[in-house]
Amino acid sequence: MNNRMEITADGGDRYDEILTPEALHFLTRLHDQFAGRRHERLAARMHQRKAIDNGRNLKFLPETSAIREDASWRVAGAGPGLEDRRVEITGPTDRKMTINALNSGAKVWLADQEDATSPTWANVIGGQLSLFDAIRGQIDYISDDGKEYKVGESTPTIVMRPRGWHLVEKHLRFTDRAGLRAPASGSLVDFGLYFFHNAKELIAGGTGPYFYLPKLENHLEARLWDDVFTFSENALGIPQGTIRATVLIETIPAAFEMEEILFELKDHCAGLNAGRWDYIFSIIKNFRGRGASFVLPDRSRITMTVPFMRAYTELLVSTCHKRGAYAIGGMSAFIPNRRDPEVTERALAQVRDDKRREATDGFDGTWVAHPGLIDAARSEFDAVLGDRPNQLDRMREDVSVSAEDLLDLRIQGEVTDAGVRANVSIAVRYLESWLRGVGAAAIDNLMEDAATAEISRSQLWQWIHQRVVTAEGNRITVKSVEAILAEVVVGLERSTGDRLDAAIEVFREVTLEEDFPTFLTLGAYARYLIEERPVLAVA
């Protein structure tokens, strides 16, 4: 077996069940076929970001107009178990959260190996083990205080989200046919291990291997995923079109290529999702140096009702239904608090408003981040859908969205001292959680993940470099943010083994330096989450 995939970290309990010679061989084949094209796509991203930074505005592609104008094609649509997606729960894949998601009553569980998971080696392989056991009905968990968790009779359909194309897995090292070594692709590792071990088991159970695809920026990246799917189905002897993918439209370049993305994935595509938080981050990242007209106010002011977010979501619904694809709404960050009924009631009201708007706009389903929000979200979609599994027949022919609409960032609101402080506090506390291996953290009654933390730190960077003055008359500078950081840190409770000192260093690197890292997790992962060990296995 021609394996050229090395494990460069210590093993753990049952890791050998996931990192089998056969699975590593499959990962080797995936990397032989697609690692080079992945690098080409990432290089193309850099070129586009540079062009935008130099003043080029995005537009609908003239070279693909024939795809948009051809009314005849449709996507594959829902696979078995995906016919009704009115409420989906998102969350990480540790054993406790896996069981909670499976018992939540949602129609779909987004098993998240991406933004809600800190990519420690234990989380990456532990998540694969959780999914392996859940799919086979053999998962349980006993907490440190002796509480036992078991899965009930009715469970949601699992849709797994692998890491984005930009991320690597440094605990696996790939050697290409020319003898060059490099870290494995996080996307191919997450997808490959899950698909190899579980695809046939899922099909036998009446569903299938389903995926959420994050961070795509254009239709060529979608084409790459489609080729990965076709290759993998052939490799395991699974019928073509068995895989179903739902693409997160969570970057501003992808918003201009929704139809092309659907077209490239049409034989494997179930729908699109409005990934709102990463979408906001993508706008700030891409236009951070373009002047005052691209500066957004306090994060709390960037709601789904502002014009550019309305344009984006309405275009998504109309595009999906035109092509027979499901349109899935995004995640409201509000979460209930068992110890504070007032916070809980406020969160439920916010979620009801959000989901009512999505359902009446034509979305076929939505996300929540907490089981306590499922009933509120379901009631709003039940009111619109009734017994129907979707509203694909609602074509939204009234929608007309221009490039200018997508890029019109004018919002009522200001940058305030409180908004600056909130961004500092959220970013530092989230980074501390992430460095401890917890990728989804409840902070100030909101569910924060990597995407929401990205908004906070990227806004701070942009405000500093655009010389923004707050509503109270204070100019935002590196020095002023450092002062707020010091005040925030003093107010935080320290504990043995916390990662606050490291979080402060990462915060400074991604927020206060002259250069703008494209993702806050890249340097932090390489610096803090890698377990350097001798090569333990090479086949």
Protein backbone atom coordinates (compact mmCIF):
# COMPACT_ATOMS: atom_id res chain seq x y z
CA MET A 1 0.00 0.00 0.00
CA ASN A 2 1.63 3.22 -1.22
CA ASN A 3 1.10 5.45 1.81
CA ARG A 4 3.01 8.68 2.05
CA MET A 5 1.14 10.14 5.00
CA GLU A 6 3.09 10.37 8.25
CA ILE A 7 1.59 10.78 11.71
CA THR A 8 3.72 13.31 13.59
CA ALA A 9 1.89 13.35 16.94
CA ASP A 10 1.32 10.93 19.79
CA GLY A 11 -1.57 8.55 19.56
CA GLY A 12 -4.51 8.38 21.90
CA ASP A 13 -7.22 6.00 22.95
CA ARG A 14 -8.66 4.33 19.81
CA TYR A 15 -6.82 6.67 17.42
CA ASP A 16 -5.73 3.56 15.53
CA GLU A 17 -9.39 2.93 14.63
CA ILE A 18 -9.41 6.17 12.64
CA LEU A 19 -5.80 6.37 11.44
CA THR A 20 -5.75 2.93 9.86
CA PRO A 21 -3.30 2.09 7.05
CA GLU A 22 -6.24 1.96 4.65
CA ALA A 23 -7.52 5.39 5.71
CA LEU A 24 -4.04 6.90 5.43
CA HIS A 25 -3.76 5.39 1.97
CA PHE A 26 -7.02 7.07 1.00
CA LEU A 27 -5.71 10.40 2.33
CA THR A 28 -2.54 9.88 0.30
CA ARG A 29 -4.59 9.37 -2.85
CA LEU A 30 -6.66 12.48 -2.16
CA HIS A 31 -3.52 14.56 -1.69
CA ASP A 32 -1.87 13.11 -4.80
CA GLN A 33 -4.89 14.17 -6.82
CA PHE A 34 -5.84 17.49 -5.25
CA ALA A 35 -3.09 19.04 -3.09
CA GLY A 36 -1.59 20.90 -6.06
CA ARG A 37 -4.92 22.31 -7.17
CA ARG A 38 -5.65 23.41 -3.60
CA HIS A 39 -2.45 25.47 -3.60
CA GLU A 40 -3.42 27.03 -6.94
CA ARG A 41 -6.80 28.07 -5.56
CA LEU A 42 -5.24 29.60 -2.44
CA ALA A 43 -2.80 31.56 -4.60
CA ALA A 44 -5.73 32.83 -6.67
CA ARG A 45 -7.37 34.07 -3.46
CA MET A 46 -4.32 36.19 -2.68
CA HIS A 47 -4.35 37.71 -6.16
CA GLN A 48 -8.02 38.62 -5.83
CA ARG A 49 -7.56 40.17 -2.38
CA LYS A 50 -4.73 42.27 -3.77
CA ALA A 51 -6.87 43.41 -6.70
CA ILE A 52 -9.71 44.43 -4.37
CA ASP A 53 -7.27 46.24 -2.11
CA ASN A 54 -6.02 48.14 -5.17
CA GLY A 55 -9.52 49.38 -5.96
CA ARG A 56 -11.15 46.72 -8.14
CA ASN A 57 -14.77 46.14 -7.21
CA LEU A 58 -16.36 42.73 -7.43
CA LYS A 59 -18.94 42.07 -10.14
CA PHE A 60 -21.03 39.28 -11.58
CA LEU A 61 -18.73 37.42 -13.96
CA PRO A 62 -19.33 38.17 -17.66
CA GLU A 63 -17.52 34.97 -18.68
CA THR A 64 -20.09 32.80 -16.87
CA SER A 65 -23.21 34.68 -17.95
CA ALA A 66 -24.35 31.70 -20.04
CA ILE A 67 -24.64 29.61 -16.88
CA ARG A 68 -26.80 32.23 -15.20
CA GLU A 69 -28.97 32.73 -18.28
CA ASP A 70 -29.58 29.01 -18.91
CA ALA A 71 -32.85 28.30 -17.12
CA SER A 72 -32.76 24.54 -17.75
CA TRP A 73 -30.31 23.16 -15.19
CA ARG A 74 -31.08 22.14 -11.60
CA VAL A 75 -29.04 20.79 -8.70
CA ALA A 76 -29.42 17.26 -7.35
CA GLY A 77 -31.31 18.55 -4.32
CA ALA A 78 -32.04 16.87 -1.00
CA GLY A 79 -30.67 13.40 -0.37
CA PRO A 80 -32.44 10.89 1.90
CA GLY A 81 -32.86 12.44 5.34
CA LEU A 82 -32.43 16.00 4.07
CA GLU A 83 -35.95 16.54 2.76
CA ASP A 84 -36.99 18.60 5.79
CA ARG A 85 -34.32 20.93 7.18
CA ARG A 86 -36.48 23.49 8.97
CA VAL A 87 -34.24 23.58 12.06
CA GLU A 88 -30.58 22.59 12.14
CA ILE A 89 -28.38 22.67 15.21
CA THR A 90 -24.69 23.49 14.92
CA GLY A 91 -21.93 22.54 17.30
CA PRO A 92 -18.59 20.84 17.90
CA THR A 93 -18.02 17.10 17.82
CA ASP A 94 -16.76 16.25 21.31
CA ARG A 95 -18.71 13.35 22.80
CA LYS A 96 -20.92 15.35 25.16
CA MET A 97 -21.88 17.92 22.51
CA THR A 98 -22.43 15.14 19.98
CA ILE A 99 -24.96 13.44 22.26
CA ASN A 100 -26.66 16.73 23.09
CA ALA A 101 -27.00 17.53 19.39
CA LEU A 102 -28.35 14.08 18.58
CA ASN A 103 -30.95 14.44 21.36
CA SER A 104 -31.83 18.04 20.50
CA GLY A 105 -34.90 17.41 18.35
CA ALA A 106 -33.43 19.28 15.38
CA LYS A 107 -33.91 17.92 11.87
CA VAL A 108 -30.19 18.20 11.02
CA TRP A 109 -27.00 18.35 13.05
CA LEU A 110 -24.13 20.32 11.56
CA ALA A 111 -21.24 18.35 13.07
CA ASP A 112 -18.65 21.09 13.02
CA GLN A 113 -14.96 20.33 12.62
CA GLU A 114 -14.40 23.94 11.54
CA ASP A 115 -15.25 27.25 13.27
CA ALA A 116 -16.83 25.69 16.37
CA THR A 117 -13.89 23.34 16.93
CA SER A 118 -10.42 24.32 18.06
CA PRO A 119 -8.22 22.08 15.86
CA THR A 120 -6.16 20.39 18.55
CA TRP A 121 -5.07 16.90 17.57
CA ALA A 122 -7.32 15.49 20.29
CA ASN A 123 -10.32 17.40 18.89
CA VAL A 124 -9.62 16.45 15.28
CA ILE A 125 -9.37 12.70 15.92
CA GLY A 126 -11.70 12.70 18.91
CA GLY A 127 -14.35 14.32 16.72
CA GLN A 128 -13.91 11.61 14.10
CA LEU A 129 -14.34 8.98 16.83
CA SER A 130 -17.50 10.68 18.11
CA LEU A 131 -18.98 10.65 14.61
CA PHE A 132 -17.84 7.07 13.99
CA ASP A 133 -19.61 5.91 17.16
CA ALA A 134 -22.69 8.08 16.68
CA ILE A 135 -23.29 6.73 13.18
CA ARG A 136 -23.11 3.19 14.55
CA GLY A 137 -25.36 3.89 17.53
CA GLN A 138 -22.63 3.16 20.06
CA ILE A 139 -21.85 6.55 21.59
CA ASP A 140 -22.18 7.40 25.27
CA TYR A 141 -20.45 9.70 27.74
CA ILE A 142 -20.01 10.00 31.49
CA SER A 143 -19.01 13.43 32.81
CA ASP A 144 -16.51 14.04 35.59
CA ASP A 145 -19.38 14.46 38.05
CA GLY A 146 -20.83 11.08 37.08
CA LYS A 147 -23.66 12.29 34.85
CA GLU A 148 -24.42 9.79 32.10
CA TYR A 149 -25.29 10.85 28.55
CA LYS A 150 -27.01 8.50 26.09
CA VAL A 151 -28.64 8.98 22.70
CA GLY A 152 -32.41 8.68 22.34
CA GLU A 153 -34.42 6.95 19.64
CA SER A 154 -34.89 9.81 17.17
CA THR A 155 -31.80 11.63 15.91
CA PRO A 156 -31.13 14.31 13.30
CA THR A 157 -29.45 13.74 9.96
CA ILE A 158 -25.71 14.41 10.26
CA VAL A 159 -24.06 16.93 7.96
CA MET A 160 -20.33 17.25 8.68
CA ARG A 161 -18.40 20.48 8.13
CA PRO A 162 -14.71 19.97 7.36
CA ARG A 163 -12.13 22.70 7.70
CA GLY A 164 -11.77 25.25 4.91
CA TRP A 165 -9.25 25.03 2.07
CA HIS A 166 -6.92 27.51 3.80
CA LEU A 167 -6.26 25.33 6.86
CA VAL A 168 -3.66 22.60 7.27
CA GLU A 169 -3.33 19.61 9.57
CA LYS A 170 0.23 19.70 10.88
CA HIS A 171 -0.04 16.41 12.74
CA LEU A 172 -0.16 14.61 9.40
CA ARG A 173 2.65 15.14 6.89
CA PHE A 174 2.21 14.34 3.21
CA THR A 175 5.11 13.45 0.94
CA ASP A 176 4.32 13.92 -2.73
CA ARG A 177 5.62 11.74 -5.56
CA ALA A 178 8.60 14.08 -6.00
CA GLY A 179 9.61 13.60 -2.38
CA LEU A 180 8.50 17.03 -1.14
CA ARG A 181 6.95 17.11 2.33
CA ALA A 182 4.21 19.42 3.55
CA PRO A 183 1.45 19.47 6.18
CA ALA A 184 -1.73 17.75 5.07
CA SER A 185 -4.79 19.73 4.00
CA GLY A 186 -7.25 20.14 6.87
CA SER A 187 -10.12 19.93 4.38
CA LEU A 188 -8.96 16.67 2.82
CA VAL A 189 -8.13 15.13 6.21
CA ASP A 190 -11.52 15.94 7.77
CA PHE A 191 -13.48 14.96 4.68
CA GLY A 192 -11.35 11.94 3.85
CA LEU A 193 -11.39 10.27 7.27
CA TYR A 194 -15.12 10.84 7.72
CA PHE A 195 -16.03 9.68 4.23
CA PHE A 196 -13.73 6.65 4.24
CA HIS A 197 -15.01 5.29 7.56
CA ASN A 198 -18.66 6.26 7.42
CA ALA A 199 -20.01 6.65 3.89
CA LYS A 200 -21.22 3.08 3.45
CA GLU A 201 -22.53 2.91 7.03
CA LEU A 202 -24.54 6.11 6.49
CA ILE A 203 -26.00 4.81 3.22
CA ALA A 204 -26.97 1.54 4.90
CA GLY A 205 -28.70 3.55 7.61
CA GLY A 206 -30.87 5.38 5.09
CA THR A 207 -29.05 8.69 4.74
CA GLY A 208 -25.67 9.37 3.18
CA PRO A 209 -22.35 11.21 3.40
CA TYR A 210 -23.39 14.86 3.62
CA PHE A 211 -21.16 17.90 4.01
CA TYR A 212 -21.23 21.62 4.66
CA LEU A 213 -18.52 23.38 2.65
CA PRO A 214 -17.05 26.47 4.36
CA LYS A 215 -15.16 29.55 3.21
CA LEU A 216 -15.52 29.03 -0.57
CA GLU A 217 -14.67 32.17 -2.51
CA ASN A 218 -15.56 31.21 -6.09
CA HIS A 219 -16.90 28.56 -8.44
CA LEU A 220 -13.46 27.13 -9.17
CA GLU A 221 -13.11 26.19 -5.51
CA ALA A 222 -16.53 24.54 -5.78
CA ARG A 223 -15.32 22.65 -8.87
CA LEU A 224 -12.38 21.37 -6.84
CA TRP A 225 -14.72 20.02 -4.18
CA ASP A 226 -16.93 18.43 -6.81
CA ASP A 227 -13.92 16.63 -8.27
CA VAL A 228 -12.96 15.46 -4.76
CA PHE A 229 -16.46 14.04 -4.38
CA THR A 230 -16.44 12.26 -7.73
CA PHE A 231 -13.00 10.78 -7.10
CA SER A 232 -13.99 9.60 -3.62
CA GLU A 233 -17.24 7.98 -4.78
CA ASN A 234 -15.30 6.09 -7.44
CA ALA A 235 -12.59 5.09 -4.97
CA LEU A 236 -15.09 3.49 -2.57
CA GLY A 237 -17.41 2.11 -5.24
CA ILE A 238 -20.31 4.35 -4.24
CA PRO A 239 -22.80 5.52 -6.89
CA GLN A 240 -22.10 8.91 -8.39
CA GLY A 241 -24.13 11.68 -6.81
CA THR A 242 -24.48 9.97 -3.42
CA ILE A 243 -22.62 12.77 -1.65
CA ARG A 244 -24.65 15.88 -0.92
CA ALA A 245 -23.06 19.24 -0.15
CA THR A 246 -24.51 22.45 1.21
CA VAL A 247 -22.26 25.42 0.51
CA LEU A 248 -21.91 28.24 2.99
CA ILE A 249 -22.05 31.56 1.19
CA GLU A 250 -19.93 33.32 3.77
CA THR A 251 -17.48 35.33 1.69
CA ILE A 252 -18.24 38.42 -0.35
CA PRO A 253 -16.61 37.03 -3.54
CA ALA A 254 -18.83 33.93 -3.34
CA ALA A 255 -21.96 36.11 -3.17
CA PHE A 256 -21.22 37.18 -6.76
CA GLU A 257 -20.94 33.56 -7.94
CA MET A 258 -23.82 31.74 -6.23
CA GLU A 259 -25.26 30.30 -9.44
CA GLU A 260 -21.85 29.26 -10.72
CA ILE A 261 -21.10 27.51 -7.42
CA LEU A 262 -24.40 25.62 -7.65
CA PHE A 263 -23.63 24.72 -11.26
CA GLU A 264 -20.19 23.31 -10.49
CA LEU A 265 -21.59 21.16 -7.69
CA LYS A 266 -24.96 20.45 -9.28
CA ASP A 267 -24.63 16.63 -9.23
CA HIS A 268 -23.77 16.72 -5.52
CA CYS A 269 -25.49 19.87 -4.29
CA ALA A 270 -28.35 20.15 -1.80
CA GLY A 271 -28.34 23.89 -1.20
CA LEU A 272 -26.71 27.04 0.08
CA ASN A 273 -26.48 28.52 3.56
CA ALA A 274 -26.31 32.19 4.54
CA GLY A 275 -23.20 32.13 6.74
CA ARG A 276 -23.77 35.60 8.11
CA TRP A 277 -20.87 36.05 10.54
CA ASP A 278 -18.08 34.97 8.22
CA TYR A 279 -19.77 37.02 5.48
CA ILE A 280 -19.48 40.19 7.56
CA PHE A 281 -15.87 39.33 8.38
CA SER A 282 -15.13 38.76 4.68
CA ILE A 283 -16.45 42.22 3.80
CA ILE A 284 -14.31 43.89 6.46
CA LYS A 285 -11.24 41.85 5.46
CA ASN A 286 -11.52 42.51 1.75
CA PHE A 287 -12.34 46.22 2.00
CA ARG A 288 -10.47 47.13 5.17
CA GLY A 289 -8.12 49.49 3.32
CA ARG A 290 -10.58 51.09 0.93
CA GLY A 291 -11.55 54.15 2.91
CA ALA A 292 -14.29 55.53 5.13
CA SER A 293 -17.19 54.31 2.95
CA PHE A 294 -16.24 50.72 3.80
CA VAL A 295 -16.01 51.24 7.57
CA LEU A 296 -18.83 49.57 9.48
CA PRO A 297 -20.18 50.72 12.86
CA ASP A 298 -20.26 48.72 16.10
CA ARG A 299 -20.66 45.01 15.53
CA SER A 300 -24.02 45.05 17.32
CA ARG A 301 -25.36 47.42 14.65
CA ILE A 302 -24.66 45.03 11.76
CA THR A 303 -27.94 43.15 11.75
CA MET A 304 -29.68 41.07 9.12
CA THR A 305 -31.99 43.99 8.32
CA VAL A 306 -29.30 46.40 7.08
CA PRO A 307 -29.48 46.85 3.29
CA PHE A 308 -26.37 44.94 2.20
CA MET A 309 -27.29 41.93 4.35
CA ARG A 310 -30.87 41.98 3.04
CA ALA A 311 -29.55 42.07 -0.52
CA TYR A 312 -27.27 39.09 0.15
CA THR A 313 -29.92 36.90 1.76
CA GLU A 314 -32.66 37.71 -0.73
CA LEU A 315 -30.32 36.94 -3.62
CA LEU A 316 -29.43 33.64 -1.96
CA VAL A 317 -33.07 32.54 -1.62
CA SER A 318 -34.01 33.49 -5.17
CA THR A 319 -30.87 31.85 -6.59
CA CYS A 320 -31.44 28.62 -4.68
CA HIS A 321 -35.09 28.22 -5.57
CA LYS A 322 -34.42 29.00 -9.22
CA ARG A 323 -32.14 25.93 -9.27
CA GLY A 324 -34.02 23.55 -6.97
CA ALA A 325 -31.63 24.08 -4.08
CA TYR A 326 -32.53 24.52 -0.43
CA ALA A 327 -31.86 27.94 1.12
CA ILE A 328 -30.79 27.59 4.75
CA GLY A 329 -30.71 30.58 7.06
CA GLY A 330 -27.89 31.56 9.38
CA MET A 331 -27.20 31.35 13.07
CA SER A 332 -28.46 33.88 15.53
CA ALA A 333 -25.75 34.33 18.18
CA PHE A 334 -28.19 34.85 21.08
CA ILE A 335 -28.36 31.97 23.57
CA PRO A 336 -30.47 31.29 26.66
CA ASN A 337 -29.10 31.53 30.19
CA ARG A 338 -30.53 29.12 32.75
CA ARG A 339 -29.56 31.43 35.61
CA ASP A 340 -31.13 34.56 34.14
CA PRO A 341 -34.74 34.29 32.91
CA GLU A 342 -34.67 37.83 31.54
CA VAL A 343 -31.67 37.04 29.33
CA THR A 344 -33.37 33.86 28.18
CA GLU A 345 -36.60 35.62 27.26
CA ARG A 346 -34.67 38.29 25.39
CA ALA A 347 -32.73 35.63 23.49
CA LEU A 348 -35.91 33.77 22.56
CA ALA A 349 -37.54 36.97 21.33
CA GLN A 350 -34.50 37.83 19.21
CA VAL A 351 -34.42 34.33 17.74
CA ARG A 352 -38.15 34.36 16.97
CA ASP A 353 -37.79 37.67 15.12
CA ASP A 354 -34.78 36.42 13.19
CA LYS A 355 -36.37 33.13 12.18
CA ARG A 356 -39.72 34.72 11.36
CA ARG A 357 -37.94 37.00 8.91
CA GLU A 358 -36.08 34.07 7.32
CA ALA A 359 -39.19 31.92 6.98
CA THR A 360 -41.24 34.73 5.44
CA ASP A 361 -38.34 35.60 3.08
CA GLY A 362 -38.48 32.07 1.65
CA PHE A 363 -35.75 30.18 3.48
CA ASP A 364 -36.36 26.44 3.77
CA GLY A 365 -34.66 26.06 7.14
CA THR A 366 -32.36 27.72 9.61
CA TRP A 367 -29.60 27.26 12.19
CA VAL A 368 -29.53 27.50 15.95
CA ALA A 369 -26.54 27.07 18.25
CA HIS A 370 -28.34 25.86 21.38
CA PRO A 371 -31.01 23.16 21.97
CA GLY A 372 -33.05 25.65 24.00
CA LEU A 373 -33.71 27.68 20.85
CA ILE A 374 -35.06 24.88 18.67
CA ASP A 375 -38.72 25.22 19.64
CA ALA A 376 -38.68 28.98 19.03
CA ALA A 377 -37.09 28.56 15.62
CA ARG A 378 -39.32 25.63 14.65
CA SER A 379 -42.50 27.47 15.54
CA GLU A 380 -41.67 30.27 13.10
CA PHE A 381 -40.94 27.86 10.26
CA ASP A 382 -43.96 25.70 11.11
CA ALA A 383 -46.15 28.79 10.79
CA VAL A 384 -44.96 29.27 7.20
CA LEU A 385 -44.28 25.70 6.05
CA GLY A 386 -47.04 23.82 7.80
CA ASP A 387 -46.67 20.17 6.77
CA ARG A 388 -44.57 21.01 3.72
CA PRO A 389 -40.87 20.06 3.98
CA ASN A 390 -39.72 23.20 2.16
CA GLN A 391 -40.87 26.19 0.11
CA LEU A 392 -38.85 25.58 -3.03
CA ASP A 393 -41.90 26.55 -5.06
CA ARG A 394 -41.55 30.15 -3.83
CA MET A 395 -39.38 31.55 -6.61
CA ARG A 396 -38.92 35.10 -5.31
CA GLU A 397 -39.12 36.54 -8.82
CA ASP A 398 -39.61 39.92 -7.15
CA VAL A 399 -35.94 39.95 -6.11
CA SER A 400 -33.51 42.03 -8.13
CA VAL A 401 -30.07 42.52 -6.58
CA SER A 402 -27.26 44.42 -8.26
CA ALA A 403 -23.54 44.43 -7.57
CA GLU A 404 -23.98 47.88 -6.09
CA ASP A 405 -26.60 46.54 -3.65
CA LEU A 406 -24.20 43.89 -2.36
CA LEU A 407 -21.48 46.49 -1.81
CA ASP A 408 -23.58 49.28 -0.35
CA LEU A 409 -22.30 49.28 3.21
CA ARG A 410 -24.10 52.38 4.43
CA ILE A 411 -25.57 51.67 7.87
CA GLN A 412 -27.20 53.87 10.46
CA GLY A 413 -24.90 53.76 13.45
CA GLU A 414 -21.58 54.85 14.84
CA VAL A 415 -18.42 53.42 16.28
CA THR A 416 -18.64 53.89 20.03
CA ASP A 417 -16.25 53.51 22.94
CA ALA A 418 -18.45 50.65 24.18
CA GLY A 419 -18.22 48.94 20.79
CA VAL A 420 -14.42 49.13 20.84
CA ARG A 421 -14.27 47.71 24.35
CA ALA A 422 -16.70 44.92 23.48
CA ASN A 423 -14.58 43.87 20.50
CA VAL A 424 -11.41 43.76 22.60
CA SER A 425 -13.09 41.78 25.35
CA ILE A 426 -14.77 39.28 23.04
CA ALA A 427 -11.69 38.66 20.91
CA VAL A 428 -9.35 38.07 23.87
CA ARG A 429 -11.75 35.84 25.77
CA TYR A 430 -12.58 33.81 22.68
CA LEU A 431 -8.90 33.32 21.84
CA GLU A 432 -8.26 32.12 25.39
CA SER A 433 -11.05 29.58 25.00
CA TRP A 434 -9.81 28.49 21.57
CA LEU A 435 -6.27 27.97 22.84
CA ARG A 436 -7.67 25.69 25.56
CA GLY A 437 -9.31 23.60 22.85
CA VAL A 438 -12.86 25.01 23.14
CA GLY A 439 -13.96 26.44 19.78
CA ALA A 440 -17.51 27.52 20.66
CA ALA A 441 -17.75 29.72 23.75
CA ALA A 442 -20.66 31.43 25.50
CA ILE A 443 -19.51 35.02 26.10
CA ASP A 444 -21.85 37.74 27.39
CA ASN A 445 -24.90 35.61 26.51
CA LEU A 446 -23.80 35.19 22.89
CA MET A 447 -22.36 32.09 21.24
CA GLU A 448 -18.98 33.10 19.91
CA ASP A 449 -16.97 31.05 17.44
CA ALA A 450 -14.00 31.79 15.20
CA ALA A 451 -16.17 33.75 12.75
CA THR A 452 -17.60 36.16 15.32
CA ALA A 453 -14.15 36.66 16.89
CA GLU A 454 -12.85 37.50 13.40
CA ILE A 455 -15.37 40.34 13.13
CA SER A 456 -14.23 41.77 16.45
CA ARG A 457 -10.51 41.78 15.71
CA SER A 458 -10.83 42.84 12.05
CA GLN A 459 -13.05 45.78 12.98
CA LEU A 460 -10.44 46.92 15.48
CA TRP A 461 -7.68 46.66 12.86
CA GLN A 462 -9.72 48.61 10.32
CA TRP A 463 -10.76 51.30 12.81
CA ILE A 464 -7.13 51.84 13.78
CA HIS A 465 -5.87 52.04 10.19
CA GLN A 466 -8.76 54.20 8.98
CA ARG A 467 -8.17 56.60 11.88
CA VAL A 468 -11.75 56.26 13.12
CA VAL A 469 -12.97 58.56 15.88
CA THR A 470 -15.65 57.20 18.20
CA ALA A 471 -18.97 58.91 18.82
CA GLU A 472 -17.52 60.10 22.10
CA GLY A 473 -14.66 61.83 20.28
CA ASN A 474 -11.82 59.38 20.96
CA ARG A 475 -9.57 58.37 18.06
CA ILE A 476 -8.91 54.63 17.91
CA THR A 477 -5.18 53.89 17.91
CA VAL A 478 -2.88 51.02 18.79
CA LYS A 479 -2.13 52.82 22.05
CA SER A 480 -5.79 53.30 22.95
CA VAL A 481 -6.63 49.67 22.19
CA GLU A 482 -3.64 48.55 24.28
CA ALA A 483 -5.02 50.61 27.17
CA ILE A 484 -8.46 49.00 26.84
CA LEU A 485 -6.82 45.58 26.58
CA ALA A 486 -5.01 46.16 29.87
CA GLU A 487 -8.27 47.19 31.56
CA VAL A 488 -10.13 44.17 30.17
CA VAL A 489 -7.43 41.74 31.28
CA VAL A 490 -7.38 43.13 34.83
CA GLY A 491 -11.09 42.41 35.08
CA LEU A 492 -10.81 38.78 33.98
CA GLU A 493 -10.68 35.97 36.50
CA ARG A 494 -7.49 33.91 36.20
CA SER A 495 -7.27 30.18 36.80
CA THR A 496 -4.61 27.51 36.84
CA GLY A 497 -3.85 26.42 33.29
CA ASP A 498 -5.64 29.28 31.57
CA ARG A 499 -4.23 30.51 28.25
CA LEU A 500 -4.84 34.20 28.75
CA ASP A 501 -1.21 35.26 28.35
CA ALA A 502 -0.99 33.45 25.02
CA ALA A 503 -4.37 34.87 23.99
CA ILE A 504 -3.10 38.40 24.62
CA GLU A 505 -0.09 37.77 22.41
CA VAL A 506 -2.25 36.35 19.61
CA PHE A 507 -4.66 39.28 19.93
CA ARG A 508 -1.81 41.74 19.49
CA GLU A 509 -0.46 39.88 16.47
CA VAL A 510 -3.78 39.72 14.60
CA THR A 511 -5.15 43.12 15.64
CA LEU A 512 -2.40 45.60 16.42
CA GLU A 513 0.36 44.75 13.93
CA GLU A 514 0.77 46.57 10.61
CA ASP A 515 0.11 43.43 8.59
CA PHE A 516 -3.37 41.90 8.58
CA PRO A 517 -3.38 38.09 8.91
CA THR A 518 -6.08 36.64 6.68
CA PHE A 519 -7.36 34.42 9.52
CA LEU A 520 -6.67 34.84 13.22
CA THR A 521 -6.30 31.09 13.75
CA LEU A 522 -3.46 30.45 11.28
CA GLY A 523 -0.52 31.71 13.32
CA ALA A 524 -2.06 30.68 16.63
CA TYR A 525 -2.51 27.12 15.39
CA ALA A 526 1.09 26.81 14.22
CA ARG A 527 2.46 28.39 17.39
CA TYR A 528 0.31 26.90 20.13
CA LEU A 529 -1.66 23.82 19.02
CA ILE A 530 1.00 21.65 17.40
CA GLU A 531 2.25 18.64 19.32
CA GLU A 532 5.78 18.14 18.03
CA ARG A 533 6.70 14.47 18.22
CA PRO A 534 8.92 12.07 16.31
CA VAL A 535 7.23 10.38 13.38
CA LEU A 536 5.23 7.53 14.87
CA ALA A 537 3.87 5.86 11.78
CA VAL A 538 4.82 5.82 8.17
CA ALA A 539 3.53 3.21 5.78
